[in-house]
């Protein structure tokens, strides 16, 4: 078993170290993570400049790029062998509902999935690393359980959110679907030292679809949320309607 571990908080993040420690003994571990915090970069790849890879004193490799860059480069030239599993995290804050579209944590795992490798993204629900040690134990257990799935089957992508609780390792593990958020809050406008307006992206909107069965509901109830994800964004339910409305035959 070979495991590639990445994240979006950077190679010095406590969550990355906790995840590496939690996975020791499961197989050979390679770490390739961003040089700096790259939260919110989604699935972006760096195409406008070359990327450089460095090796930290602890043996971790890090790139001056995005989380997706890290996994992509690792899988297409940096690592001598293809991993059997790609893990991302543990993120400093939740990745639920619409957040998964922006998340660098989820994107790193998704990059592995796009290459046909089983992948898991782990996040703490609240920022601040509280009870990170417990979350790491939860992550270890979920990795062990997920690996029992047949290796010859289709690859899968799991998004896991863990409450910051001292008893999270004893909490129920619930398989969920993604909830939805309201639109984000307005941008925060400030003034630069030169008197020019500058803009900060506003806070995420509150949950608007957070009923039973969603990731928001499960974590609010103190459970660990596990959401299977897919990459196909096709709106299959409306395909026939669109064909009838705009499709033309030659």
Foldseek 3Di string as FASTA:
>chain_A
DEEEEEEQAAPPDPFRVLQVVLCPPVDHYAYEYAHHRRFQQAQDDDDPDDKDWDADPVGHIYIPTALNNRLVCCQPPVPPDHGQEYEYDQAQADQFAPSNRRGSQQNNQVSCLVVFHAYEGHYEHHGDCQQSNLSSNVVSVVVVVVVVPDSPDTHWYKYKYFYNDPCRNVAAEDEAEGFHFDQFDDWDWDADPVRHIDTDGGGTGHTDGQDPRHCNVQVVVRHMYIYIDDDDPDPVVCPVVCCVVDNDDD
